[in-house]
N, C-alpha and C. Protein backbone atom coordinates (compact mmCIF):
# COMPACT_ATOMS: atom_id res chain seq x y z
N UNK A 1 35.00 11.75 -20.89
CA UNK A 1 34.37 12.45 -19.10
C UNK A 1 32.51 11.82 -19.36
N UNK A 2 32.15 12.28 -20.61
CA UNK A 2 30.61 11.33 -20.46
C UNK A 2 30.25 10.17 -20.22
N UNK A 3 31.68 8.95 -20.61
CA UNK A 3 31.05 7.81 -20.54
C UNK A 3 31.91 7.55 -19.32
N UNK A 4 32.42 8.40 -18.53
CA UNK A 4 32.73 7.80 -16.94
C UNK A 4 31.31 8.19 -16.59
N UNK A 5 30.78 8.98 -16.42
CA UNK A 5 29.78 9.50 -15.82
C UNK A 5 28.76 8.42 -16.56
N UNK A 6 28.65 8.28 -17.11
CA UNK A 6 27.34 7.12 -17.96
C UNK A 6 27.57 6.07 -16.79
N UNK A 7 29.05 5.16 -16.57
CA UNK A 7 29.33 4.53 -16.07
C UNK A 7 29.18 4.89 -14.64
N UNK A 8 29.29 5.94 -13.74
CA UNK A 8 28.94 5.35 -12.53
C UNK A 8 28.21 5.44 -12.05
N UNK A 9 26.59 6.17 -13.26
CA UNK A 9 25.27 6.39 -12.72
C UNK A 9 25.07 5.32 -13.11
N UNK A 10 25.70 4.49 -14.82
CA UNK A 10 24.42 2.84 -13.71
C UNK A 10 25.41 2.10 -12.87
N UNK A 11 25.85 2.33 -12.22
CA UNK A 11 26.52 1.81 -12.02
C UNK A 11 25.75 1.98 -10.55
N UNK A 12 24.88 2.69 -9.92
CA UNK A 12 24.31 3.07 -8.39
C UNK A 12 23.18 3.48 -9.46
N UNK A 13 22.84 3.26 -10.30
CA UNK A 13 21.25 3.37 -10.31
C UNK A 13 20.76 1.51 -10.16
N UNK A 14 21.15 0.41 -9.89
CA UNK A 14 20.36 -0.89 -9.02
C UNK A 14 20.59 0.03 -7.82
N UNK A 15 21.08 0.28 -7.82
CA UNK A 15 21.78 0.11 -5.49
C UNK A 15 20.59 1.08 -5.32
N UNK A 16 20.30 2.43 -5.98
CA UNK A 16 18.85 2.65 -6.46
C UNK A 16 17.80 2.63 -6.14
N UNK A 17 18.00 2.19 -7.33
CA UNK A 17 16.57 1.82 -7.61
C UNK A 17 16.51 0.40 -6.46
N UNK A 18 17.25 -0.35 -6.06
CA UNK A 18 17.23 -1.53 -5.12
C UNK A 18 16.43 0.04 -3.21
N UNK A 19 16.54 0.86 -4.15
CA UNK A 19 17.05 1.33 -1.99
C UNK A 19 15.28 2.33 -2.46
N UNK A 20 14.33 2.40 -3.42
CA UNK A 20 12.86 3.08 -3.61
C UNK A 20 12.04 1.70 -3.37
N UNK A 21 12.93 0.94 -3.86
CA UNK A 21 12.00 -0.33 -4.07
C UNK A 21 11.92 -0.85 -1.91
N UNK A 22 13.14 -1.20 -1.07
CA UNK A 22 12.87 -1.49 -0.14
C UNK A 22 12.10 -0.23 0.54
N UNK A 23 12.49 1.07 -0.08
CA UNK A 23 11.47 1.95 0.82
C UNK A 23 10.11 1.82 0.63
N UNK A 24 10.06 1.60 -0.42
CA UNK A 24 7.94 1.43 -0.60
C UNK A 24 7.62 0.33 -0.48
N UNK A 25 8.44 -0.75 -0.22
CA UNK A 25 8.07 -2.23 0.47
C UNK A 25 7.46 -1.65 1.91
N UNK A 26 8.54 -1.43 3.09
CA UNK A 26 8.19 -0.47 3.58
C UNK A 26 7.54 0.36 4.44
N UNK A 27 6.51 1.17 3.49
CA UNK A 27 5.74 2.04 3.74
C UNK A 27 3.92 1.17 3.21
N UNK A 28 3.83 0.00 3.08
CA UNK A 28 2.94 -0.61 2.37
C UNK A 28 2.94 -1.93 4.11
N UNK A 29 4.21 -2.29 4.56
CA UNK A 29 4.39 -2.81 5.88
C UNK A 29 3.96 -1.48 6.86
N UNK A 30 4.62 -0.51 6.78
CA UNK A 30 3.62 0.20 7.19
C UNK A 30 1.79 0.92 7.58
N UNK A 31 1.46 0.54 6.15
CA UNK A 31 0.06 0.74 6.03
C UNK A 31 -0.46 -0.71 6.60
N UNK A 32 -0.05 -1.52 6.35
CA UNK A 32 -0.48 -3.15 6.75
C UNK A 32 -0.99 -2.94 8.18
N UNK A 33 0.63 -2.50 9.63
CA UNK A 33 0.08 -2.48 10.84
C UNK A 33 -0.80 -1.71 10.89
N UNK A 34 -0.05 -0.36 9.91
CA UNK A 34 -1.61 0.57 11.09
C UNK A 34 -3.12 0.45 11.12
N UNK A 35 -3.21 -0.44 9.48
CA UNK A 35 -4.59 -1.14 9.10
C UNK A 35 -4.82 -2.34 10.17
N UNK A 36 -4.03 -2.40 10.89
CA UNK A 36 -4.40 -3.46 11.89
C UNK A 36 -4.60 -3.04 12.96
N UNK A 37 -3.88 -2.40 13.62
CA UNK A 37 -3.18 -1.83 14.96
C UNK A 37 -3.52 0.02 14.66
N UNK A 38 -4.71 1.14 14.32
CA UNK A 38 -4.85 2.21 13.88
C UNK A 38 -4.58 3.12 14.66
N UNK A 39 -4.08 3.81 13.72
CA UNK A 39 -2.35 4.98 14.13
C UNK A 39 -3.43 6.50 13.31
N UNK A 40 -4.13 7.30 13.48
CA UNK A 40 -3.96 8.23 12.99
C UNK A 40 -3.31 9.65 11.54
N UNK A 41 -2.80 9.07 12.88
CA UNK A 41 -1.40 10.12 12.45
C UNK A 41 -0.42 9.93 11.37
N UNK A 42 -0.33 8.21 11.44
CA UNK A 42 0.81 7.85 10.85
C UNK A 42 -0.17 6.96 9.72
N UNK A 43 -1.47 6.99 8.83
CA UNK A 43 -2.38 6.47 8.19
C UNK A 43 -2.32 8.01 7.80
N UNK A 44 -2.56 8.64 7.71
CA UNK A 44 -2.55 10.15 6.90
C UNK A 44 -1.01 10.29 6.75
N UNK A 45 -0.63 9.51 6.89
CA UNK A 45 1.33 10.30 6.73
C UNK A 45 1.59 9.41 5.24
N UNK A 46 1.24 7.93 5.67
CA UNK A 46 0.73 7.22 4.37
C UNK A 46 -0.45 7.01 3.25
N UNK A 47 -1.42 7.59 3.05
CA UNK A 47 -2.22 8.25 2.35
C UNK A 47 -1.84 8.66 1.39
N UNK A 48 -1.93 9.33 0.33
CA UNK A 48 -2.30 10.40 -0.94
C UNK A 48 -3.27 11.55 -0.17
N UNK A 49 -3.39 12.76 -0.08
CA UNK A 49 -5.03 13.33 -0.39
C UNK A 49 -5.83 13.20 -1.54
N UNK A 50 -5.36 12.21 -2.16
CA UNK A 50 -5.63 11.71 -3.68
C UNK A 50 -6.82 10.34 -4.06
N UNK A 51 -6.60 9.29 -2.96
CA UNK A 51 -6.68 8.60 -2.96
C UNK A 51 -8.14 7.74 -3.42
N UNK A 52 -7.75 6.89 -3.69
CA UNK A 52 -9.12 5.81 -4.40
C UNK A 52 -8.61 4.32 -4.51
N UNK A 53 -9.46 4.20 -2.90
CA UNK A 53 -8.89 2.92 -2.50
C UNK A 53 -10.77 2.09 -2.69
N UNK A 54 -10.23 1.49 -3.96
CA UNK A 54 -11.91 0.76 -4.37
C UNK A 54 -11.35 -1.28 -3.89
N UNK A 55 -12.80 -1.08 -2.93
CA UNK A 55 -12.42 -2.76 -2.65
C UNK A 55 -13.70 -3.95 -3.21
N UNK A 56 -12.92 -5.47 -2.70
CA UNK A 56 -13.61 -6.20 -3.54
C UNK A 56 -15.11 -6.37 -4.18
N UNK A 57 -15.51 -5.02 -2.98
CA UNK A 57 -17.16 -5.29 -3.35
C UNK A 57 -18.02 -3.98 -4.42
N UNK A 58 -17.19 -3.36 -4.73
CA UNK A 58 -17.16 -2.21 -5.75
C UNK A 58 -17.24 -1.25 -5.23
N UNK A 59 -16.99 -0.52 -4.56
CA UNK A 59 -16.94 0.49 -2.54
C UNK A 59 -15.49 0.89 -3.11
N UNK A 60 -15.87 2.23 -2.88
CA UNK A 60 -14.35 3.20 -3.22
C UNK A 60 -14.45 4.23 -2.00
N UNK A 61 -13.53 3.81 -1.53
CA UNK A 61 -13.48 5.16 -0.27
C UNK A 61 -12.02 6.15 -0.51
N UNK A 62 -12.96 6.56 -0.29
CA UNK A 62 -11.12 8.29 -0.47
C UNK A 62 -10.76 8.50 1.08
N UNK A 63 -9.31 8.97 1.31
CA UNK A 63 -8.71 8.97 2.27
C UNK A 63 -9.39 9.57 3.53
N UNK A 64 -10.59 10.15 3.27
CA UNK A 64 -11.43 11.22 4.43
C UNK A 64 -11.96 9.44 5.03
N UNK A 65 -12.42 8.99 3.92
CA UNK A 65 -13.32 7.79 4.69
C UNK A 65 -12.94 6.47 4.80
N UNK A 66 -11.78 5.94 3.84
CA UNK A 66 -11.41 4.69 4.35
C UNK A 66 -10.30 5.06 5.95
N UNK A 67 -10.04 6.08 6.16
CA UNK A 67 -9.39 5.85 7.76
C UNK A 67 -10.02 6.88 8.44
N UNK A 68 -11.50 7.28 9.53
CA UNK A 68 -12.60 7.16 9.11
C UNK A 68 -13.14 5.91 10.11
N UNK A 69 -13.35 4.86 8.59
CA UNK A 69 -13.57 3.29 8.77
C UNK A 69 -12.80 2.73 9.79
N UNK A 70 -11.24 2.76 9.54
CA UNK A 70 -10.55 2.15 10.20
C UNK A 70 -10.31 3.27 12.14
N UNK A 71 -10.68 3.53 12.41
CA UNK A 71 -10.51 5.29 13.20
C UNK A 71 -11.72 4.40 13.83
N UNK A 72 -12.42 4.49 13.79
CA UNK A 72 -13.87 4.41 14.07
C UNK A 72 -15.18 2.43 14.53
N UNK A 73 -14.13 1.43 13.90
CA UNK A 73 -14.24 -0.01 13.78
C UNK A 73 -14.86 -0.45 12.58
N UNK A 74 -15.39 0.74 12.09
CA UNK A 74 -16.54 -0.12 10.86
C UNK A 74 -16.11 -0.86 10.51
N UNK A 75 -14.20 -0.19 9.56
CA UNK A 75 -13.49 -1.83 9.58
C UNK A 75 -12.29 -1.67 9.93
N UNK A 76 -12.60 -2.57 10.88
CA UNK A 76 -12.04 -3.10 11.63
C UNK A 76 -11.09 -5.64 11.33
N UNK A 77 -10.10 -5.33 11.16
CA UNK A 77 -8.89 -6.53 11.09
C UNK A 77 -8.67 -6.52 12.40
N UNK A 78 -9.08 -8.05 12.62
CA UNK A 78 -7.95 -8.32 14.02
C UNK A 78 -6.03 -8.79 13.57
N UNK A 79 -6.26 -9.52 12.27
CA UNK A 79 -4.91 -9.85 11.70
C UNK A 79 -5.40 -9.32 9.76
N UNK A 80 -4.42 -9.08 9.96
CA UNK A 80 -4.24 -9.21 7.66
C UNK A 80 -1.88 -8.77 7.59
N UNK A 81 -2.52 -10.24 6.63
CA UNK A 81 -1.57 -11.08 6.05
C UNK A 81 -0.67 -10.75 4.52
N UNK A 82 0.32 -10.14 4.33
CA UNK A 82 0.54 -9.87 3.01
C UNK A 82 0.92 -10.56 2.10
N UNK A 83 1.14 -11.67 1.82
CA UNK A 83 2.15 -12.77 0.58
C UNK A 83 2.48 -12.66 -0.52
N UNK A 84 3.10 -12.89 -2.17
CA UNK A 84 3.39 -13.32 -2.83
C UNK A 84 3.18 -11.66 -3.62
N UNK A 85 4.17 -10.31 -3.40
CA UNK A 85 4.09 -8.61 -3.14
C UNK A 85 5.18 -8.78 -4.61
N UNK A 86 5.37 -8.66 -5.15
CA UNK A 86 5.89 -7.41 -6.10
C UNK A 86 6.08 -6.68 -5.95
N UNK A 87 6.85 -5.46 -6.29
CA UNK A 87 6.88 -3.76 -6.07
C UNK A 87 7.38 -3.64 -7.64
N UNK A 88 7.26 -2.82 -7.98
CA UNK A 88 7.39 -2.30 -9.26
C UNK A 88 8.07 -1.05 -9.92
N UNK A 89 9.50 0.01 -9.41
CA UNK A 89 9.59 1.29 -8.81
C UNK A 89 9.59 1.75 -11.14
N UNK A 90 8.02 2.51 -11.00
CA UNK A 90 8.62 3.23 -11.62
C UNK A 90 9.28 4.93 -12.45
N UNK A 91 10.20 5.26 -12.80
CA UNK A 91 10.42 6.61 -12.53
C UNK A 91 10.97 6.75 -11.57
N UNK A 92 10.44 8.42 -10.92
CA UNK A 92 11.28 8.72 -9.80
C UNK A 92 10.69 8.83 -8.50
N UNK A 93 8.98 8.73 -9.02
CA UNK A 93 7.70 8.49 -7.87
C UNK A 93 6.64 7.57 -7.83
N UNK A 94 7.06 7.00 -9.26
CA UNK A 94 6.00 5.74 -9.27
C UNK A 94 6.10 4.66 -8.82
N UNK A 95 5.12 3.54 -7.63
CA UNK A 95 5.43 1.97 -7.40
C UNK A 95 4.20 1.44 -7.61
N UNK A 96 4.19 0.24 -8.49
CA UNK A 96 3.38 -0.90 -8.11
C UNK A 96 3.42 -2.27 -7.68
N UNK A 97 2.43 -1.96 -6.61
CA UNK A 97 2.58 -3.34 -5.65
C UNK A 97 1.53 -3.95 -5.58
N UNK A 98 1.90 -5.69 -6.18
CA UNK A 98 1.16 -6.82 -6.13
C UNK A 98 0.61 -7.54 -5.36
N UNK A 99 -0.14 -7.51 -4.62
CA UNK A 99 -0.25 -8.96 -2.99
C UNK A 99 -1.56 -9.72 -2.97
N UNK A 100 -1.01 -10.43 -2.16
CA UNK A 100 -2.61 -11.48 -1.98
C UNK A 100 -2.66 -10.47 -0.51
N UNK A 101 -3.66 -10.65 0.03
CA UNK A 101 -4.35 -9.79 1.76
C UNK A 101 -5.75 -11.22 2.02
N UNK A 102 -4.50 -11.78 3.12
CA UNK A 102 -5.85 -12.51 4.02
C UNK A 102 -6.08 -12.19 4.60
N UNK A 103 -7.08 -11.04 5.71
CA UNK A 103 -7.16 -10.50 6.15
C UNK A 103 -8.58 -11.55 7.21
N UNK A 104 -8.63 -11.19 8.99
CA UNK A 104 -9.36 -12.31 9.49
C UNK A 104 -9.89 -10.29 9.56
N UNK A 105 -11.42 -9.96 9.47
CA UNK A 105 -11.65 -9.04 9.81
C UNK A 105 -13.44 -8.50 10.48
N UNK A 106 -14.06 -8.01 11.42
CA UNK A 106 -15.35 -8.12 12.18
C UNK A 106 -15.09 -6.02 12.55
N UNK A 107 -15.51 -5.72 11.08
CA UNK A 107 -16.23 -4.29 12.14
C UNK A 107 -17.28 -4.64 12.73
N UNK A 108 -17.57 -3.09 12.56
CA UNK A 108 -19.16 -2.99 13.46
C UNK A 108 -20.52 -3.67 12.38
N UNK A 109 -21.73 -3.81 12.93
CA UNK A 109 -22.45 -4.06 13.07
C UNK A 109 -22.10 -5.15 12.53
N UNK A 110 -20.98 -6.41 11.65
CA UNK A 110 -20.58 -7.27 10.86
C UNK A 110 -20.38 -8.58 11.14
N UNK A 111 -20.69 -9.70 10.52
CA UNK A 111 -20.30 -10.93 11.45
C UNK A 111 -18.23 -11.03 10.86
N UNK A 112 -17.89 -11.72 11.87
CA UNK A 112 -16.41 -11.53 11.35
C UNK A 112 -16.43 -12.19 10.40
N UNK A 113 -15.39 -12.47 9.43
CA UNK A 113 -14.92 -13.34 8.20
C UNK A 113 -13.57 -12.80 8.13
N UNK A 114 -13.64 -13.96 7.24
CA UNK A 114 -11.97 -13.26 5.85
C UNK A 114 -12.06 -13.60 4.89
N UNK A 115 -11.42 -13.26 4.23
CA UNK A 115 -10.59 -12.14 3.01
C UNK A 115 -10.18 -12.76 2.80
N UNK A 116 -9.95 -12.97 1.28
CA UNK A 116 -8.54 -13.16 0.77
C UNK A 116 -8.39 -12.80 -0.85
N UNK A 117 -8.00 -11.57 -1.03
CA UNK A 117 -7.89 -10.71 -2.17
C UNK A 117 -6.80 -10.32 -3.02
N UNK A 118 -6.83 -10.57 -4.22
CA UNK A 118 -5.95 -9.99 -5.44
C UNK A 118 -5.67 -8.67 -5.05
N UNK A 119 -4.53 -8.25 -5.20
CA UNK A 119 -4.70 -6.16 -4.48
C UNK A 119 -3.34 -5.91 -5.56
N UNK A 120 -3.67 -4.54 -5.73
CA UNK A 120 -3.12 -3.87 -6.57
C UNK A 120 -3.17 -2.79 -5.96
N UNK A 121 -1.76 -2.24 -5.59
CA UNK A 121 -1.77 -0.74 -5.02
C UNK A 121 -0.57 0.42 -5.90
N UNK A 122 -1.22 1.69 -6.21
CA UNK A 122 -0.01 2.09 -6.75
C UNK A 122 0.21 3.30 -5.38
N UNK A 123 0.60 3.15 -5.29
CA UNK A 123 2.10 4.25 -4.83
C UNK A 123 2.73 5.09 -5.37
N UNK A 124 2.82 6.80 -4.48
CA UNK A 124 3.63 8.46 -5.44
C UNK A 124 4.53 8.59 -4.12
N UNK A 125 5.95 8.50 -4.79
CA UNK A 125 6.63 9.26 -3.75
C UNK A 125 6.44 11.10 -4.08
N UNK A 126 5.46 11.27 -2.53
CA UNK A 126 5.32 12.42 -2.16
C UNK A 126 7.62 13.60 -1.37
N UNK A 127 7.66 14.31 -1.87
CA UNK A 127 8.68 14.15 -1.43
C UNK A 127 10.37 13.21 -1.34
N UNK A 128 10.20 13.44 -0.04
CA UNK A 128 11.23 11.46 0.32
C UNK A 128 9.66 10.44 1.06
N UNK A 129 8.81 10.49 1.11
CA UNK A 129 8.02 9.92 1.26
C UNK A 129 7.17 9.07 0.65
N UNK A 130 6.94 7.78 0.48
CA UNK A 130 6.25 7.15 -0.45
C UNK A 130 4.26 6.96 0.24
N UNK A 131 4.06 7.60 -0.35
CA UNK A 131 2.49 7.31 0.29
C UNK A 131 1.48 6.79 -0.70
N UNK A 132 0.40 5.51 -0.80
CA UNK A 132 -0.55 5.06 -0.63
C UNK A 132 -1.72 5.89 -2.29
N UNK A 133 -1.49 6.04 -2.83
CA UNK A 133 -2.20 5.97 -3.81
C UNK A 133 -4.09 6.12 -4.74
N UNK A 134 -3.78 5.00 -4.63
CA UNK A 134 -4.79 4.09 -5.69
C UNK A 134 -4.29 2.11 -4.84
N UNK A 135 -5.57 2.09 -4.54
CA UNK A 135 -5.73 0.83 -3.92
C UNK A 135 -7.28 0.02 -5.27
N UNK A 136 -7.23 -1.16 -5.56
CA UNK A 136 -7.90 -1.65 -5.75
C UNK A 136 -8.05 -3.53 -5.39
N UNK A 137 -8.90 -4.01 -5.11
CA UNK A 137 -9.01 -4.87 -4.76
C UNK A 137 -10.41 -6.10 -5.47
N UNK A 138 -9.48 -7.72 -5.58
CA UNK A 138 -10.41 -8.14 -6.87
C UNK A 138 -10.86 -9.33 -4.73
N UNK A 139 -11.57 -10.11 -4.97
CA UNK A 139 -11.48 -12.17 -4.52
C UNK A 139 -10.91 -12.78 -5.63
N UNK A 140 -9.73 -14.05 -4.35
CA UNK A 140 -8.74 -14.51 -5.20
C UNK A 140 -9.70 -15.54 -5.56
N UNK A 141 -9.94 -16.46 -6.44
CA UNK A 141 -10.13 -17.82 -6.70
C UNK A 141 -9.74 -18.38 -6.13
N UNK A 142 -10.49 -20.01 -5.58
CA UNK A 142 -10.59 -20.72 -4.22
C UNK A 142 -9.77 -21.84 -4.86
């Protein structure tokens, strides 16, 4: 009976992992959309209270400061393209996401610019939802 249970778990696990990977990918896409067209309620749901959001400049935002910057236009993205994304779900509640981040920006008091970054994100599952816990960006090599 134990062998039968183990083979059932092994048969289900890859599908479960694929489902969680798809859920993380969906959350990351929802965050991308909410950063281009800021929606405070959606941002609040997608971002963990303990967020540490590292920019390529070295600046680090909290959940509150990131959402405030997006809502006030201090950080203003007219487009964000994500590429070369990989998602690795670790255990039941952590996911590591890496991708390239190419964006057109025009924040308040700043000249329009294009950024090309390599990004590492850590997502944490809270209840049934994935939330961004940490992010660090570095400037991509030309």
